């Protein structure tokens, strides 16, 4: 995103009253790259993350969005199972974004040079980038395992495959939306019958339906094209759950979000190019 894009977004915000928000998923994904060595995609991780966080500070509302897991479990009336560690602390996250945006080294981010963290009132354990890298690696392995259990796509498609893909999806959803955010305190099989009905039912309407459709589409496409499993695919999927709030839209140029059709008022995913031209 260049300076012209930023100005366009600001103009659209003024014209139409848009409020731009960032998610805890965005934050965690950026933080996870800070301790990695330079690569083709991330030639200078600290510089890339700093620039991104400065754009967040310049453009976005200061308060981070709820986690997708929180939004989904609240929809299913199961949010009492979420572990406190999965509930973003808006104050700490905003302060951490500021520290990273102004930091000149990983030492400043970790609090090993305490003046930056103390100036923001931030305990140093709040911003340990290696924590987020570990989380991304674990999520990646979990997603790879889930993909290895995906049933093979028959030609032509049949009802047996539809039943198999639904069962596979519920297993994946149970891990990422129950076991993981509850810190292993609960799983689908340990829910009561009524709770299981609410969990499954949440995928038949609203943002849960969008998430389920997208997850099945991307997973089958990955399998058919023998593509490498990318944990970012998981994070992209999860962010669709934030569309639970009907006032939100999700703007992206990723083709995968437009490979299936749902009612526009339900899906509310807008192409970046079209959104930008509207300004």
Protein backbone atom coordinates (compact mmCIF):
# COMPACT_ATOMS: atom_id res chain seq x y z
CA UNK A 1 0.00 0.00 0.00
CA UNK A 2 1.55 3.29 -1.09
CA UNK A 3 0.93 6.88 0.01
CA UNK A 4 -1.67 7.42 -2.75
CA UNK A 5 -3.63 4.40 -1.45
CA UNK A 6 -3.48 5.80 2.06
CA UNK A 7 -4.85 9.15 0.88
CA UNK A 8 -7.63 7.37 -1.02
CA UNK A 9 -8.63 5.43 2.10
CA UNK A 10 -8.66 8.59 4.19
CA UNK A 11 -10.81 10.33 1.57
CA UNK A 12 -13.25 7.39 1.49
CA UNK A 13 -13.39 7.50 5.27
CA UNK A 14 -14.32 11.17 5.18
CA UNK A 15 -16.86 10.75 2.36
CA UNK A 16 -18.65 7.65 3.61
CA UNK A 17 -17.84 7.48 7.30
CA UNK A 18 -15.69 4.33 7.10
CA UNK A 19 -13.73 3.49 10.23
CA UNK A 20 -10.73 1.29 9.54
CA UNK A 21 -9.90 -1.39 12.08
CA UNK A 22 -7.09 -3.91 12.41
CA UNK A 23 -7.51 -7.35 13.92
CA UNK A 24 -5.48 -9.21 16.51
CA UNK A 25 -4.84 -11.71 13.71
CA UNK A 26 -3.16 -8.97 11.64
CA UNK A 27 -1.11 -7.96 14.66
CA UNK A 28 0.01 -11.48 15.55
CA UNK A 29 0.90 -12.39 11.97
CA UNK A 30 3.12 -9.32 11.58
CA UNK A 31 4.77 -9.87 14.96
CA UNK A 32 5.54 -13.50 14.08
CA UNK A 33 7.96 -12.40 11.34
CA UNK A 34 10.10 -10.07 13.45
CA UNK A 35 12.60 -12.69 14.64
CA UNK A 36 12.99 -14.37 11.24
CA UNK A 37 16.08 -13.87 9.06
CA UNK A 38 15.64 -11.90 5.83
CA UNK A 39 14.01 -13.82 2.99
CA UNK A 40 12.72 -13.16 -0.52
CA UNK A 41 9.29 -12.17 0.80
CA UNK A 42 10.58 -10.48 3.95
CA UNK A 43 13.83 -8.77 2.93
CA UNK A 44 13.94 -6.66 6.11
CA UNK A 45 11.34 -7.95 8.61
CA UNK A 46 11.72 -5.14 11.14
CA UNK A 47 11.44 -2.41 8.49
CA UNK A 48 8.39 -4.06 6.87
CA UNK A 49 6.55 -4.51 10.17
CA UNK A 50 7.43 -1.00 11.33
CA UNK A 51 6.07 0.48 8.11
CA UNK A 52 2.88 -1.57 8.41
CA UNK A 53 2.33 -0.57 12.03
CA UNK A 54 2.90 3.09 11.16
CA UNK A 55 0.15 2.82 8.56
CA UNK A 56 -2.10 1.26 11.20
CA UNK A 57 -1.38 4.16 13.54
CA UNK A 58 -2.03 6.68 10.77
CA UNK A 59 -5.20 5.13 9.38
CA UNK A 60 -6.92 2.81 11.85
CA UNK A 61 -8.96 3.26 14.97
CA UNK A 62 -6.71 2.64 17.98
CA UNK A 63 -8.76 -0.22 19.41
CA UNK A 64 -8.01 -3.68 18.04
CA UNK A 65 -10.93 -5.83 16.89
CA UNK A 66 -12.00 -8.84 18.97
CA UNK A 67 -10.38 -12.12 18.02
CA UNK A 68 -12.30 -14.20 15.43
CA UNK A 69 -12.53 -16.99 18.00
CA UNK A 70 -14.27 -14.63 20.44
CA UNK A 71 -16.74 -13.50 17.77
CA UNK A 72 -17.62 -17.04 16.72
CA UNK A 73 -17.97 -18.48 20.22
CA UNK A 74 -20.17 -15.53 21.23
CA UNK A 75 -22.39 -16.23 18.20
CA UNK A 76 -22.70 -19.88 19.27
CA UNK A 77 -23.26 -18.82 22.92
CA UNK A 78 -20.13 -20.72 23.90
CA UNK A 79 -17.89 -17.78 24.76
CA UNK A 80 -17.72 -18.85 28.39
CA UNK A 81 -15.22 -21.50 27.24
CA UNK A 82 -12.67 -19.07 25.83
CA UNK A 83 -9.46 -18.82 27.82
CA UNK A 84 -8.51 -15.27 28.92
CA UNK A 85 -5.24 -15.44 26.95
CA UNK A 86 -7.32 -15.35 23.75
CA UNK A 87 -9.05 -12.10 24.71
CA UNK A 88 -7.05 -9.17 23.27
CA UNK A 89 -6.07 -6.46 25.70
CA UNK A 90 -6.86 -3.37 23.63
CA UNK A 91 -4.61 -1.08 25.69
CA UNK A 92 -1.58 -3.36 25.59
CA UNK A 93 -1.99 -4.15 21.89
CA UNK A 94 -2.24 -0.47 20.94
CA UNK A 95 0.84 0.29 23.06
CA UNK A 96 2.76 -2.59 21.47
CA UNK A 97 1.92 -1.34 17.96
CA UNK A 98 3.33 2.06 18.96
CA UNK A 99 6.52 0.55 20.43
CA UNK A 100 7.20 -1.55 17.32
CA UNK A 101 6.44 1.36 14.99
CA UNK A 102 9.07 3.48 16.74
CA UNK A 103 11.65 0.76 17.52
CA UNK A 104 15.06 0.59 15.90
CA UNK A 105 15.92 -2.92 17.08
CA UNK A 106 14.46 -6.15 18.43
CA UNK A 107 16.01 -5.30 21.79
CA UNK A 108 13.78 -2.26 22.09
CA UNK A 109 10.72 -4.32 21.17
CA UNK A 110 11.52 -7.01 23.75
CA UNK A 111 12.13 -4.44 26.46
CA UNK A 112 15.82 -5.26 26.72
CA UNK A 113 16.23 -1.54 26.23
CA UNK A 114 13.50 -0.68 28.73
CA UNK A 115 13.05 3.01 27.95
CA UNK A 116 10.75 2.32 24.96
CA UNK A 117 8.46 -0.10 26.79
CA UNK A 118 8.38 1.84 30.05
CA UNK A 119 7.51 5.05 28.20
CA UNK A 120 4.40 3.30 26.89
CA UNK A 121 3.57 1.75 30.27
CA UNK A 122 4.08 -1.68 28.76
CA UNK A 123 5.49 -4.71 30.66
CA UNK A 124 8.22 -6.26 28.54
CA UNK A 125 6.58 -9.71 28.39
CA UNK A 126 3.77 -8.20 26.31
CA UNK A 127 5.96 -7.87 23.22
CA UNK A 128 8.05 -11.00 22.80
CA UNK A 129 7.95 -11.64 19.03
CA UNK A 130 9.16 -15.23 19.33
CA UNK A 131 5.85 -16.10 21.04
CA UNK A 132 3.96 -15.16 17.88
CA UNK A 133 6.40 -17.02 15.65
CA UNK A 134 5.87 -20.16 17.73
CA UNK A 135 2.10 -19.72 17.51
CA UNK A 136 2.26 -19.36 13.72
CA UNK A 137 4.48 -22.44 13.40
CA UNK A 138 2.16 -24.52 15.60
CA UNK A 139 -0.87 -23.31 13.64
CA UNK A 140 0.91 -24.16 10.41
CA UNK A 141 1.64 -27.72 11.54
CA UNK A 142 -1.93 -28.12 12.78
CA UNK A 143 -3.26 -26.89 9.43
CA UNK A 144 -0.93 -29.26 7.55
CA UNK A 145 -2.18 -32.16 9.64
CA UNK A 146 -5.79 -31.15 9.01
CA UNK A 147 -5.11 -30.93 5.28
CA UNK A 148 -3.57 -34.41 5.31
CA UNK A 149 -6.94 -35.72 6.54
CA UNK A 150 -8.91 -34.01 3.81
CA UNK A 151 -10.85 -36.59 1.75
CA UNK A 152 -9.85 -36.95 -1.89
CA UNK A 153 -12.06 -35.09 -4.33
CA UNK A 154 -13.96 -37.55 -6.58
CA UNK A 155 -14.98 -36.88 -10.17
CA UNK A 156 -17.85 -36.27 -10.40
CA UNK A 157 -18.66 -35.00 -6.91
CA UNK A 158 -21.12 -37.14 -4.95
CA UNK A 159 -23.08 -37.09 -1.68
CA UNK A 160 -20.52 -39.29 0.11
CA UNK A 161 -17.84 -36.67 -0.53
CA UNK A 162 -20.17 -33.91 0.68
CA UNK A 163 -20.71 -35.81 3.94
CA UNK A 164 -16.97 -36.49 4.29
CA UNK A 165 -15.97 -32.87 3.71
CA UNK A 166 -18.55 -31.72 6.27
CA UNK A 167 -17.20 -34.15 8.86
CA UNK A 168 -13.64 -33.04 8.05
CA UNK A 169 -14.59 -29.38 8.40
CA UNK A 170 -16.20 -29.94 11.81
CA UNK A 171 -13.02 -31.65 13.01
CA UNK A 172 -10.92 -28.71 11.84
CA UNK A 173 -13.36 -26.18 13.31
CA UNK A 174 -13.44 -28.05 16.62
CA UNK A 175 -9.67 -27.72 16.92
CA UNK A 176 -9.26 -24.09 15.84
CA UNK A 177 -12.47 -22.71 17.38
CA UNK A 178 -12.86 -24.85 20.53
CA UNK A 179 -9.76 -26.77 21.59
CA UNK A 180 -7.28 -24.02 20.70
CA UNK A 181 -9.08 -20.97 22.18
CA UNK A 182 -10.11 -22.87 25.31
CA UNK A 183 -6.48 -23.99 25.82
CA UNK A 184 -7.61 -27.65 25.52
CA UNK A 185 -10.30 -27.36 28.19
CA UNK A 186 -13.11 -28.36 25.84
CA UNK A 187 -13.66 -30.15 22.51
CA UNK A 188 -16.68 -30.82 20.33
CA UNK A 189 -17.17 -34.28 21.80
CA UNK A 190 -17.20 -32.93 25.37
CA UNK A 191 -19.96 -30.39 24.68
CA UNK A 192 -23.54 -31.10 25.71
CA UNK A 193 -26.00 -32.03 22.96
CA UNK A 194 -27.46 -28.53 23.01
CA UNK A 195 -24.00 -26.94 22.82
CA UNK A 196 -23.04 -29.18 19.88
CA UNK A 197 -26.20 -28.08 18.06
CA UNK A 198 -25.33 -24.43 18.64
CA UNK A 199 -21.75 -24.96 17.48
CA UNK A 200 -22.80 -26.70 14.24
CA UNK A 201 -25.71 -24.30 13.70
CA UNK A 202 -23.39 -21.29 13.81
CA UNK A 203 -21.87 -22.50 10.51
CA UNK A 204 -25.23 -22.41 8.72
CA UNK A 205 -25.80 -18.66 9.01
CA UNK A 206 -24.04 -15.33 8.99
CA UNK A 207 -20.27 -15.12 9.17
CA UNK A 208 -20.02 -18.76 10.26
CA UNK A 209 -21.52 -19.83 6.94
CA UNK A 210 -19.08 -17.59 5.02
CA UNK A 211 -16.17 -19.08 6.98
CA UNK A 212 -17.31 -22.65 6.33
CA UNK A 213 -17.80 -22.04 2.60
CA UNK A 214 -14.42 -20.33 2.25
CA UNK A 215 -12.61 -22.99 4.26
CA UNK A 216 -13.99 -25.83 2.15
CA UNK A 217 -13.26 -23.98 -1.10
CA UNK A 218 -9.65 -23.08 -0.24
CA UNK A 219 -8.89 -26.52 1.20
CA UNK A 220 -10.18 -28.38 -1.86
CA UNK A 221 -8.33 -25.99 -4.18
CA UNK A 222 -5.10 -26.49 -2.21
CA UNK A 223 -5.51 -30.27 -2.45
CA UNK A 224 -6.35 -30.31 -6.16
CA UNK A 225 -3.46 -28.01 -7.07
CA UNK A 226 -0.98 -29.75 -4.72
CA UNK A 227 -0.15 -26.38 -3.21
CA UNK A 228 1.90 -25.94 -0.07
CA UNK A 229 -0.22 -25.41 3.04
CA UNK A 230 0.22 -21.84 4.25
CA UNK A 231 -0.81 -20.92 7.81
CA UNK A 232 -1.77 -17.50 6.42
CA UNK A 233 -4.64 -19.27 4.64
CA UNK A 234 -5.96 -20.17 8.08
CA UNK A 235 -5.61 -16.61 9.36
CA UNK A 236 -7.40 -15.25 6.28
CA UNK A 237 -10.25 -17.73 6.82
CA UNK A 238 -10.60 -16.84 10.48
CA UNK A 239 -10.90 -13.13 9.76
CA UNK A 240 -14.14 -13.79 7.88
CA UNK A 241 -15.70 -14.55 11.27
CA UNK A 242 -15.33 -10.86 12.09
CA UNK A 243 -18.14 -10.19 9.58
CA UNK A 244 -20.47 -11.23 12.41
CA UNK A 245 -20.95 -7.48 12.89
CA UNK A 246 -23.19 -6.48 9.97
CA UNK A 247 -21.60 -3.01 9.79
CA UNK A 248 -18.22 -4.48 8.74
CA UNK A 249 -16.87 -5.21 5.28
CA UNK A 250 -13.69 -7.07 4.35
CA UNK A 251 -11.60 -5.53 1.55
CA UNK A 252 -9.06 -7.72 -0.26
CA UNK A 253 -7.60 -8.57 -3.65
CA UNK A 254 -7.05 -12.25 -2.81
CA UNK A 255 -8.73 -14.28 -5.56
CA UNK A 256 -9.74 -17.08 -3.19
CA UNK A 257 -12.36 -14.85 -1.57
CA UNK A 258 -14.24 -14.54 -4.85
CA UNK A 259 -14.17 -18.15 -6.04
CA UNK A 260 -17.57 -19.02 -4.61
CA UNK A 261 -20.86 -17.20 -4.48
CA UNK A 262 -22.91 -16.26 -1.44
CA UNK A 263 -25.47 -13.52 -0.99
CA UNK A 264 -23.60 -10.15 -1.07
CA UNK A 265 -25.32 -8.96 2.10
CA UNK A 266 -23.96 -12.07 3.83
CA UNK A 267 -20.47 -12.29 2.37
CA UNK A 268 -19.59 -8.54 2.38
CA UNK A 269 -16.14 -9.09 0.83
CA UNK A 270 -15.15 -6.26 -1.51
CA UNK A 271 -12.39 -6.20 -4.11
CA UNK A 272 -9.64 -3.73 -3.22
CA UNK A 273 -9.41 -2.33 -6.75
CA UNK A 274 -13.12 -1.52 -6.88
CA UNK A 275 -13.10 -0.10 -3.37
CA UNK A 276 -10.14 2.13 -4.18
CA UNK A 277 -11.70 3.41 -7.44
CA UNK A 278 -14.85 4.43 -5.59
CA UNK A 279 -12.81 7.21 -4.02
